[in-house]
């Protein structure tokens, strides 16, 4: 059964809903000059969140939690309040990589505190602009709110749980990075190229069709139901490089009506900086 509130919204639907008082539109583009890009042009009415500043607590030592560990609940509460999100808000998030940048990460974080009305824009900012959604370079004005959060309600796995799971045939550990990174052929972000032994590679890009939009819920359900078979959601762990693009696959699973499995936040950025067994080209 599909989730009662779809985690995906198409640009046509956004255009119809854009004037609703409940809508809070969020620009979650990340990377070099992301905030500057937002200031130069964003979907009209959108507020900005920064991956490193707002959606993570970036440490100097990624060996402890990876490159994008979760912020404290107190900090996340402050972020939500600052950008005017309340428990009643209908939050719609976009980036420029169809959710694989930071939109899906923010979606997961909101779902993890129990916020149900949150969706990611299918096709990202490009699709909305193509359909005529107005853009702006003006500073958006909005009122701050109060959003108290008390716990992360979605399951996460730490490095020790992943260590056990990768050796257990009743568990599935999924790495969503592209195949070249998984195979240890290239590594643009972390110190070592390779993967966690025992993990399987299911690139997040396979969630999208040739036009860069999410495949249908039915297609995704067929894919992940076959992959997971009878494995219990608590026995499935999904990871990537730093717990960001893994959320793209968690969103795809939710869209497909599959219970959201565990997220390994530290991911390869943490695993590869610790004294753990690793598959690399040198160990092949």
C-alpha atoms as a PDB file:
ATOM      1  CA  UNK A   1       0.000   0.000   0.000  1.00  0.00           C
ATOM      2  CA  UNK A   2       1.422   3.368  -0.997  1.00  0.00           C
ATOM      3  CA  UNK A   3       2.190   5.964   1.651  1.00  0.00           C
ATOM      4  CA  UNK A   4      -0.911   8.064   2.385  1.00  0.00           C
ATOM      5  CA  UNK A   5       1.011  11.270   1.677  1.00  0.00           C
ATOM      6  CA  UNK A   6       3.226  10.961  -1.378  1.00  0.00           C
ATOM      7  CA  UNK A   7       6.833  12.041  -0.762  1.00  0.00           C
ATOM      8  CA  UNK A   8       7.040  13.187  -4.392  1.00  0.00           C
ATOM      9  CA  UNK A   9       5.273  16.179  -5.915  1.00  0.00           C
ATOM     10  CA  UNK A  10       5.300  16.943  -9.623  1.00  0.00           C
ATOM     11  CA  UNK A  11       5.913  20.517 -10.800  1.00  0.00           C
ATOM     12  CA  UNK A  12       2.359  20.777 -12.170  1.00  0.00           C
ATOM     13  CA  UNK A  13       0.989  20.082  -8.694  1.00  0.00           C
ATOM     14  CA  UNK A  14       3.364  22.612  -7.131  1.00  0.00           C
ATOM     15  CA  UNK A  15       2.119  25.335  -9.453  1.00  0.00           C
ATOM     16  CA  UNK A  16      -1.462  24.588  -8.374  1.00  0.00           C
ATOM     17  CA  UNK A  17      -0.571  24.664  -4.668  1.00  0.00           C
ATOM     18  CA  UNK A  18       1.974  27.495  -4.597  1.00  0.00           C
ATOM     19  CA  UNK A  19      -0.397  30.094  -3.141  1.00  0.00           C
ATOM     20  CA  UNK A  20      -1.624  27.902  -0.295  1.00  0.00           C
ATOM     21  CA  UNK A  21      -0.907  29.421   3.128  1.00  0.00           C
ATOM     22  CA  UNK A  22       0.343  26.049   4.410  1.00  0.00           C
ATOM     23  CA  UNK A  23       3.027  25.686   1.751  1.00  0.00           C
ATOM     24  CA  UNK A  24       6.632  26.301   2.783  1.00  0.00           C
ATOM     25  CA  UNK A  25       8.900  26.035  -0.248  1.00  0.00           C
ATOM     26  CA  UNK A  26      12.532  25.181   0.492  1.00  0.00           C
ATOM     27  CA  UNK A  27      15.611  25.528  -1.720  1.00  0.00           C
ATOM     28  CA  UNK A  28      18.079  22.844  -0.624  1.00  0.00           C
ATOM     29  CA  UNK A  29      20.681  23.141  -3.354  1.00  0.00           C
ATOM     30  CA  UNK A  30      24.146  22.244  -2.125  1.00  0.00           C
ATOM     31  CA  UNK A  31      27.734  22.408  -3.291  1.00  0.00           C
ATOM     32  CA  UNK A  32      30.029  25.250  -4.282  1.00  0.00           C
ATOM     33  CA  UNK A  33      28.267  28.629  -4.436  1.00  0.00           C
ATOM     34  CA  UNK A  34      24.873  27.074  -3.578  1.00  0.00           C
ATOM     35  CA  UNK A  35      23.771  29.943  -1.353  1.00  0.00           C
ATOM     36  CA  UNK A  36      25.009  32.497  -3.873  1.00  0.00           C
ATOM     37  CA  UNK A  37      23.056  30.679  -6.586  1.00  0.00           C
ATOM     38  CA  UNK A  38      19.972  30.874  -4.379  1.00  0.00           C
ATOM     39  CA  UNK A  39      20.430  34.621  -3.923  1.00  0.00           C
ATOM     40  CA  UNK A  40      20.837  35.106  -7.663  1.00  0.00           C
ATOM     41  CA  UNK A  41      17.780  33.055  -8.631  1.00  0.00           C
ATOM     42  CA  UNK A  42      15.368  30.785  -6.791  1.00  0.00           C
ATOM     43  CA  UNK A  43      11.766  29.703  -7.132  1.00  0.00           C
ATOM     44  CA  UNK A  44       9.678  32.645  -5.967  1.00  0.00           C
ATOM     45  CA  UNK A  45       8.827  32.289  -2.292  1.00  0.00           C
ATOM     46  CA  UNK A  46      11.479  29.665  -1.549  1.00  0.00           C
ATOM     47  CA  UNK A  47      13.561  29.801   1.631  1.00  0.00           C
ATOM     48  CA  UNK A  48      17.096  28.441   1.749  1.00  0.00           C
ATOM     49  CA  UNK A  49      18.654  25.700   3.864  1.00  0.00           C
ATOM     50  CA  UNK A  50      22.353  24.900   3.838  1.00  0.00           C
ATOM     51  CA  UNK A  51      23.439  21.264   3.942  1.00  0.00           C
ATOM     52  CA  UNK A  52      26.547  21.824   6.039  1.00  0.00           C
ATOM     53  CA  UNK A  53      25.177  24.534   8.306  1.00  0.00           C
ATOM     54  CA  UNK A  54      21.540  23.477   8.784  1.00  0.00           C
ATOM     55  CA  UNK A  55      21.209  19.778   7.968  1.00  0.00           C
ATOM     56  CA  UNK A  56      24.420  18.495   9.563  1.00  0.00           C
ATOM     57  CA  UNK A  57      26.967  19.243  12.226  1.00  0.00           C
ATOM     58  CA  UNK A  58      30.181  19.064  10.249  1.00  0.00           C
ATOM     59  CA  UNK A  59      33.082  17.863  12.372  1.00  0.00           C
ATOM     60  CA  UNK A  60      36.795  18.285  11.720  1.00  0.00           C
ATOM     61  CA  UNK A  61      37.246  14.522  12.048  1.00  0.00           C
ATOM     62  CA  UNK A  62      34.868  12.639   9.687  1.00  0.00           C
ATOM     63  CA  UNK A  63      36.080   9.371  11.235  1.00  0.00           C
ATOM     64  CA  UNK A  64      33.529  10.090  13.952  1.00  0.00           C
ATOM     65  CA  UNK A  65      30.169  10.157  12.197  1.00  0.00           C
ATOM     66  CA  UNK A  66      31.246  10.865   8.627  1.00  0.00           C
ATOM     67  CA  UNK A  67      31.211  14.077   6.609  1.00  0.00           C
ATOM     68  CA  UNK A  68      27.561  14.958   7.363  1.00  0.00           C
ATOM     69  CA  UNK A  69      26.525  13.693  10.807  1.00  0.00           C
ATOM     70  CA  UNK A  70      23.055  14.691  11.974  1.00  0.00           C
ATOM     71  CA  UNK A  71      22.719  17.913  13.933  1.00  0.00           C
ATOM     72  CA  UNK A  72      21.451  17.750  17.499  1.00  0.00           C
ATOM     73  CA  UNK A  73      17.698  17.802  17.941  1.00  0.00           C
ATOM     74  CA  UNK A  74      18.049  21.188  19.588  1.00  0.00           C
ATOM     75  CA  UNK A  75      19.912  22.603  16.587  1.00  0.00           C
ATOM     76  CA  UNK A  76      17.431  21.114  14.124  1.00  0.00           C
ATOM     77  CA  UNK A  77      14.561  22.594  16.117  1.00  0.00           C
ATOM     78  CA  UNK A  78      16.234  26.007  15.860  1.00  0.00           C
ATOM     79  CA  UNK A  79      16.721  25.600  12.099  1.00  0.00           C
ATOM     80  CA  UNK A  80      13.068  24.711  11.501  1.00  0.00           C
ATOM     81  CA  UNK A  81      11.893  27.581  13.677  1.00  0.00           C
ATOM     82  CA  UNK A  82      14.264  30.025  11.976  1.00  0.00           C
ATOM     83  CA  UNK A  83      13.020  29.239   8.463  1.00  0.00           C
ATOM     84  CA  UNK A  84       9.379  29.354   9.492  1.00  0.00           C
ATOM     85  CA  UNK A  85       8.404  25.692   9.407  1.00  0.00           C
ATOM     86  CA  UNK A  86       5.742  24.650  11.923  1.00  0.00           C
ATOM     87  CA  UNK A  87       4.276  21.189  12.612  1.00  0.00           C
ATOM     88  CA  UNK A  88       1.323  22.180  10.383  1.00  0.00           C
ATOM     89  CA  UNK A  89       3.437  23.256   7.407  1.00  0.00           C
ATOM     90  CA  UNK A  90       3.211  21.489   4.061  1.00  0.00           C
ATOM     91  CA  UNK A  91       6.902  21.502   3.183  1.00  0.00           C
ATOM     92  CA  UNK A  92       8.019  21.151  -0.427  1.00  0.00           C
ATOM     93  CA  UNK A  93      11.766  20.852  -1.016  1.00  0.00           C
ATOM     94  CA  UNK A  94      13.777  21.116  -4.200  1.00  0.00           C
ATOM     95  CA  UNK A  95      17.380  21.068  -5.307  1.00  0.00           C
ATOM     96  CA  UNK A  96      19.043  20.941  -8.713  1.00  0.00           C
ATOM     97  CA  UNK A  97      19.889  17.219  -8.656  1.00  0.00           C
ATOM     98  CA  UNK A  98      16.360  15.805  -8.296  1.00  0.00           C
ATOM     99  CA  UNK A  99      16.688  15.090  -4.596  1.00  0.00           C
ATOM    100  CA  UNK A 100      20.157  13.572  -4.604  1.00  0.00           C
ATOM    101  CA  UNK A 101      21.774  16.825  -3.507  1.00  0.00           C
ATOM    102  CA  UNK A 102      20.159  17.698  -0.161  1.00  0.00           C
ATOM    103  CA  UNK A 103      16.398  17.789  -0.771  1.00  0.00           C
ATOM    104  CA  UNK A 104      15.937  14.110   0.064  1.00  0.00           C
ATOM    105  CA  UNK A 105      18.166  14.475   3.143  1.00  0.00           C
ATOM    106  CA  UNK A 106      15.951  17.280   4.470  1.00  0.00           C
ATOM    107  CA  UNK A 107      12.870  15.203   3.587  1.00  0.00           C
ATOM    108  CA  UNK A 108      14.253  12.265   5.600  1.00  0.00           C
ATOM    109  CA  UNK A 109      15.117  14.488   8.564  1.00  0.00           C
ATOM    110  CA  UNK A 110      11.613  15.918   8.681  1.00  0.00           C
ATOM    111  CA  UNK A 111      10.041  12.474   8.384  1.00  0.00           C
ATOM    112  CA  UNK A 112      12.441  11.291  11.087  1.00  0.00           C
ATOM    113  CA  UNK A 113      10.973  13.761  13.586  1.00  0.00           C
ATOM    114  CA  UNK A 114       7.439  12.733  12.662  1.00  0.00           C
ATOM    115  CA  UNK A 115       6.577  15.473  10.133  1.00  0.00           C
ATOM    116  CA  UNK A 116       4.283  13.822   7.564  1.00  0.00           C
ATOM    117  CA  UNK A 117       3.481  16.659   5.142  1.00  0.00           C
ATOM    118  CA  UNK A 118       6.825  16.927   3.392  1.00  0.00           C
ATOM    119  CA  UNK A 119       7.568  16.276  -0.269  1.00  0.00           C
ATOM    120  CA  UNK A 120      10.417  16.563  -2.753  1.00  0.00           C
ATOM    121  CA  UNK A 121       9.894  18.286  -6.100  1.00  0.00           C
ATOM    122  CA  UNK A 122      10.173  15.831  -8.962  1.00  0.00           C
ATOM    123  CA  UNK A 123      12.594  17.147 -11.559  1.00  0.00           C
ATOM    124  CA  UNK A 124      13.975  19.812  -9.235  1.00  0.00           C
ATOM    125  CA  UNK A 125      14.206  23.531  -9.864  1.00  0.00           C
ATOM    126  CA  UNK A 126      14.814  23.007 -13.581  1.00  0.00           C
ATOM    127  CA  UNK A 127      11.473  21.260 -14.115  1.00  0.00           C
ATOM    128  CA  UNK A 128       9.539  23.956 -12.259  1.00  0.00           C
ATOM    129  CA  UNK A 129      11.170  26.759 -14.254  1.00  0.00           C
ATOM    130  CA  UNK A 130      10.502  24.904 -17.503  1.00  0.00           C
ATOM    131  CA  UNK A 131       6.798  24.865 -16.669  1.00  0.00           C
ATOM    132  CA  UNK A 132       6.797  28.589 -15.996  1.00  0.00           C
ATOM    133  CA  UNK A 133       7.172  28.791 -12.216  1.00  0.00           C
ATOM    134  CA  UNK A 134       8.333  32.326 -11.483  1.00  0.00           C
ATOM    135  CA  UNK A 135      11.809  32.880 -10.099  1.00  0.00           C
ATOM    136  CA  UNK A 136      13.158  35.666  -7.926  1.00  0.00           C
ATOM    137  CA  UNK A 137      16.356  37.144  -6.559  1.00  0.00           C
ATOM    138  CA  UNK A 138      14.582  39.038  -3.785  1.00  0.00           C
ATOM    139  CA  UNK A 139      15.132  38.219  -0.127  1.00  0.00           C
ATOM    140  CA  UNK A 140      12.083  36.230   0.942  1.00  0.00           C
ATOM    141  CA  UNK A 141      10.270  37.524   4.016  1.00  0.00           C
ATOM    142  CA  UNK A 142       8.526  35.211   6.455  1.00  0.00           C
ATOM    143  CA  UNK A 143       7.778  34.867  10.135  1.00  0.00           C
ATOM    144  CA  UNK A 144       9.783  32.602  12.400  1.00  0.00           C
ATOM    145  CA  UNK A 145       7.893  29.833  14.191  1.00  0.00           C
ATOM    146  CA  UNK A 146       8.453  27.459  17.054  1.00  0.00           C
ATOM    147  CA  UNK A 147       9.040  23.816  16.228  1.00  0.00           C
ATOM    148  CA  UNK A 148       9.997  21.636  19.168  1.00  0.00           C
ATOM    149  CA  UNK A 149      11.392  18.204  18.342  1.00  0.00           C
ATOM    150  CA  UNK A 150      12.123  15.460  20.831  1.00  0.00           C
ATOM    151  CA  UNK A 151      13.475  12.420  18.981  1.00  0.00           C
ATOM    152  CA  UNK A 152      14.540  10.870  15.700  1.00  0.00           C
ATOM    153  CA  UNK A 153      11.740   8.404  14.956  1.00  0.00           C
ATOM    154  CA  UNK A 154      13.192   6.752  11.850  1.00  0.00           C
ATOM    155  CA  UNK A 155      15.767   4.040  12.386  1.00  0.00           C
ATOM    156  CA  UNK A 156      19.474   4.664  11.918  1.00  0.00           C
ATOM    157  CA  UNK A 157      22.432   2.284  12.072  1.00  0.00           C
ATOM    158  CA  UNK A 158      25.861   3.018  13.503  1.00  0.00           C
ATOM    159  CA  UNK A 159      29.191   1.611  12.391  1.00  0.00           C
ATOM    160  CA  UNK A 160      29.040  -1.315  14.807  1.00  0.00           C
ATOM    161  CA  UNK A 161      25.628  -2.412  13.548  1.00  0.00           C
ATOM    162  CA  UNK A 162      26.862  -2.231   9.959  1.00  0.00           C
ATOM    163  CA  UNK A 163      29.877  -4.350  10.931  1.00  0.00           C
ATOM    164  CA  UNK A 164      27.555  -7.095  12.175  1.00  0.00           C
ATOM    165  CA  UNK A 165      24.978  -6.742   9.416  1.00  0.00           C
ATOM    166  CA  UNK A 166      27.448  -7.084   6.547  1.00  0.00           C
ATOM    167  CA  UNK A 167      28.362 -10.572   7.765  1.00  0.00           C
ATOM    168  CA  UNK A 168      24.797 -11.724   8.410  1.00  0.00           C
ATOM    169  CA  UNK A 169      22.842 -13.378   5.600  1.00  0.00           C
ATOM    170  CA  UNK A 170      19.592 -12.132   7.121  1.00  0.00           C
ATOM    171  CA  UNK A 171      20.685  -8.523   6.542  1.00  0.00           C
ATOM    172  CA  UNK A 172      21.116  -6.449   3.403  1.00  0.00           C
ATOM    173  CA  UNK A 173      23.524  -3.506   3.283  1.00  0.00           C
ATOM    174  CA  UNK A 174      22.904  -1.266   0.264  1.00  0.00           C
ATOM    175  CA  UNK A 175      25.443   1.210  -1.106  1.00  0.00           C
ATOM    176  CA  UNK A 176      23.742   3.737  -3.414  1.00  0.00           C
ATOM    177  CA  UNK A 177      26.882   5.401  -4.818  1.00  0.00           C
ATOM    178  CA  UNK A 178      27.676   5.019  -8.510  1.00  0.00           C
ATOM    179  CA  UNK A 179      29.347   1.807  -9.631  1.00  0.00           C
ATOM    180  CA  UNK A 180      32.794   3.305 -10.239  1.00  0.00           C
ATOM    181  CA  UNK A 181      32.982   4.535  -6.647  1.00  0.00           C
ATOM    182  CA  UNK A 182      31.661   1.230  -5.319  1.00  0.00           C
ATOM    183  CA  UNK A 183      34.183  -0.702  -7.399  1.00  0.00           C
ATOM    184  CA  UNK A 184      37.025   1.436  -6.100  1.00  0.00           C
ATOM    185  CA  UNK A 185      37.863   2.925  -9.495  1.00  0.00           C
ATOM    186  CA  UNK A 186      37.377   6.522  -8.420  1.00  0.00           C
ATOM    187  CA  UNK A 187      36.674   8.519  -5.261  1.00  0.00           C
ATOM    188  CA  UNK A 188      36.085  12.269  -5.605  1.00  0.00           C
ATOM    189  CA  UNK A 189      35.283  13.029  -1.960  1.00  0.00           C
ATOM    190  CA  UNK A 190      36.773  10.563   0.488  1.00  0.00           C
ATOM    191  CA  UNK A 191      40.329   9.391   1.126  1.00  0.00           C
ATOM    192  CA  UNK A 192      40.000   5.795  -0.051  1.00  0.00           C
ATOM    193  CA  UNK A 193      38.128   4.334  -3.037  1.00  0.00           C
ATOM    194  CA  UNK A 194      36.159   1.159  -2.459  1.00  0.00           C
ATOM    195  CA  UNK A 195      33.221  -0.204  -0.484  1.00  0.00           C
ATOM    196  CA  UNK A 196      32.140  -2.051   2.642  1.00  0.00           C
ATOM    197  CA  UNK A 197      32.645  -5.793   2.046  1.00  0.00           C
ATOM    198  CA  UNK A 198      29.315  -7.578   1.999  1.00  0.00           C
ATOM    199  CA  UNK A 199      27.402  -4.513   0.748  1.00  0.00           C
ATOM    200  CA  UNK A 200      25.550  -4.600  -2.565  1.00  0.00           C
ATOM    201  CA  UNK A 201      25.566  -1.750  -5.055  1.00  0.00           C
ATOM    202  CA  UNK A 202      22.216  -0.259  -6.129  1.00  0.00           C
ATOM    203  CA  UNK A 203      23.027   3.227  -7.532  1.00  0.00           C
ATOM    204  CA  UNK A 204      20.471   5.878  -6.576  1.00  0.00           C
ATOM    205  CA  UNK A 205      20.480   7.023 -10.213  1.00  0.00           C
ATOM    206  CA  UNK A 206      18.476   3.886 -11.018  1.00  0.00           C
ATOM    207  CA  UNK A 207      15.521   5.488  -9.213  1.00  0.00           C
ATOM    208  CA  UNK A 208      15.185   7.912 -12.133  1.00  0.00           C
ATOM    209  CA  UNK A 209      13.993   7.531 -15.697  1.00  0.00           C
ATOM    210  CA  UNK A 210      15.739   8.793 -18.816  1.00  0.00           C
ATOM    211  CA  UNK A 211      14.202  12.254 -18.357  1.00  0.00           C
ATOM    212  CA  UNK A 212      15.630  12.587 -14.844  1.00  0.00           C
ATOM    213  CA  UNK A 213      12.295  12.163 -13.050  1.00  0.00           C
ATOM    214  CA  UNK A 214      11.507   9.482 -10.493  1.00  0.00           C
ATOM    215  CA  UNK A 215      10.246   6.258 -11.996  1.00  0.00           C
ATOM    216  CA  UNK A 216       6.657   5.403 -11.161  1.00  0.00           C
ATOM    217  CA  UNK A 217       5.796   4.075  -7.715  1.00  0.00           C
ATOM    218  CA  UNK A 218       4.828   0.785  -9.319  1.00  0.00           C
ATOM    219  CA  UNK A 219       8.194   0.394 -11.088  1.00  0.00           C
ATOM    220  CA  UNK A 220      10.096   1.231  -7.916  1.00  0.00           C
ATOM    221  CA  UNK A 221       7.967  -1.137  -5.851  1.00  0.00           C
ATOM    222  CA  UNK A 222       8.683  -3.974  -8.262  1.00  0.00           C
ATOM    223  CA  UNK A 223      12.411  -3.236  -8.197  1.00  0.00           C
ATOM    224  CA  UNK A 224      12.877  -2.963  -4.443  1.00  0.00           C
ATOM    225  CA  UNK A 225      10.396  -5.693  -3.519  1.00  0.00           C
ATOM    226  CA  UNK A 226      12.396  -8.113  -5.659  1.00  0.00           C
ATOM    227  CA  UNK A 227      15.675  -6.877  -4.210  1.00  0.00           C
ATOM    228  CA  UNK A 228      14.610  -7.049  -0.576  1.00  0.00           C
ATOM    229  CA  UNK A 229      12.482 -10.182  -0.957  1.00  0.00           C
ATOM    230  CA  UNK A 230      11.341 -11.194   2.532  1.00  0.00           C
ATOM    231  CA  UNK A 231      14.023  -9.221   4.388  1.00  0.00           C
ATOM    232  CA  UNK A 232      12.568  -7.273   7.300  1.00  0.00           C
ATOM    233  CA  UNK A 233      12.969  -3.464   7.088  1.00  0.00           C
ATOM    234  CA  UNK A 234      14.936  -3.494  10.357  1.00  0.00           C
ATOM    235  CA  UNK A 235      17.477  -5.754   8.651  1.00  0.00           C
ATOM    236  CA  UNK A 236      18.061  -3.415   5.705  1.00  0.00           C
ATOM    237  CA  UNK A 237      20.679  -0.667   5.964  1.00  0.00           C
ATOM    238  CA  UNK A 238      21.164   1.967   3.241  1.00  0.00           C
ATOM    239  CA  UNK A 239      24.244   4.155   2.915  1.00  0.00           C
ATOM    240  CA  UNK A 240      26.237   6.290   0.503  1.00  0.00           C
ATOM    241  CA  UNK A 241      29.258   8.556   0.981  1.00  0.00           C
ATOM    242  CA  UNK A 242      28.012  10.667   3.878  1.00  0.00           C
ATOM    243  CA  UNK A 243      24.352   9.927   4.529  1.00  0.00           C
ATOM    244  CA  UNK A 244      22.947  12.385   1.977  1.00  0.00           C
ATOM    245  CA  UNK A 245      22.300  10.633  -1.355  1.00  0.00           C
ATOM    246  CA  UNK A 246      21.248   7.485   0.516  1.00  0.00           C
ATOM    247  CA  UNK A 247      18.113   9.447   1.407  1.00  0.00           C
ATOM    248  CA  UNK A 248      17.263   9.551  -2.314  1.00  0.00           C
ATOM    249  CA  UNK A 249      16.790   5.783  -2.204  1.00  0.00           C
ATOM    250  CA  UNK A 250      14.925   5.904   1.112  1.00  0.00           C
ATOM    251  CA  UNK A 251      12.543   8.394  -0.503  1.00  0.00           C
ATOM    252  CA  UNK A 252      12.154   6.151  -3.551  1.00  0.00           C
ATOM    253  CA  UNK A 253      11.296   3.228  -1.287  1.00  0.00           C
ATOM    254  CA  UNK A 254       8.740   5.278   0.622  1.00  0.00           C
ATOM    255  CA  UNK A 255       7.243   6.453  -2.669  1.00  0.00           C
ATOM    256  CA  UNK A 256       7.024   2.801  -3.691  1.00  0.00           C
ATOM    257  CA  UNK A 257       5.067   1.932  -0.562  1.00  0.00           C
ATOM    258  CA  UNK A 258       7.968   0.101   1.086  1.00  0.00           C
ATOM    259  CA  UNK A 259       8.724   0.730   4.738  1.00  0.00           C
ATOM    260  CA  UNK A 260      11.713   3.038   5.162  1.00  0.00           C
ATOM    261  CA  UNK A 261      14.762   0.983   6.224  1.00  0.00           C
ATOM    262  CA  UNK A 262      17.697   2.087   8.362  1.00  0.00           C
ATOM    263  CA  UNK A 263      20.063   4.861   7.299  1.00  0.00           C
ATOM    264  CA  UNK A 264      23.763   4.581   8.059  1.00  0.00           C
ATOM    265  CA  UNK A 265      24.554   8.264   8.484  1.00  0.00           C
ATOM    266  CA  UNK A 266      28.345   7.910   8.671  1.00  0.00           C
ATOM    267  CA  UNK A 267      28.420   5.862   5.460  1.00  0.00           C
ATOM    268  CA  UNK A 268      31.654   5.328   3.502  1.00  0.00           C
ATOM    269  CA  UNK A 269      33.146   8.609   4.761  1.00  0.00           C
ATOM    270  CA  UNK A 270      33.156   7.214   8.299  1.00  0.00           C
ATOM    271  CA  UNK A 271      33.819   3.552   7.500  1.00  0.00           C
ATOM    272  CA  UNK A 272      36.838   4.287   5.298  1.00  0.00           C
ATOM    273  CA  UNK A 273      38.474   6.407   8.015  1.00  0.00           C
ATOM    274  CA  UNK A 274      38.344   3.680  10.630  1.00  0.00           C
ATOM    275  CA  UNK A 275      40.225   0.440  11.045  1.00  0.00           C
ATOM    276  CA  UNK A 276      37.600  -1.625   9.231  1.00  0.00           C
ATOM    277  CA  UNK A 277      37.799  -4.188   6.477  1.00  0.00           C
ATOM    278  CA  UNK A 278      37.443  -2.542   3.074  1.00  0.00           C
ATOM    279  CA  UNK A 279      37.214  -3.684  -0.517  1.00  0.00           C
ATOM    280  CA  UNK A 280      39.594  -1.636  -2.640  1.00  0.00           C
ATOM    281  CA  UNK A 281      41.338  -2.312  -5.946  1.00  0.00           C
ATOM    282  CA  UNK A 282      44.372  -3.297  -3.870  1.00  0.00           C
ATOM    283  CA  UNK A 283      42.412  -6.011  -2.049  1.00  0.00           C
ATOM    284  CA  UNK A 284      40.683  -7.426  -5.125  1.00  0.00           C
END
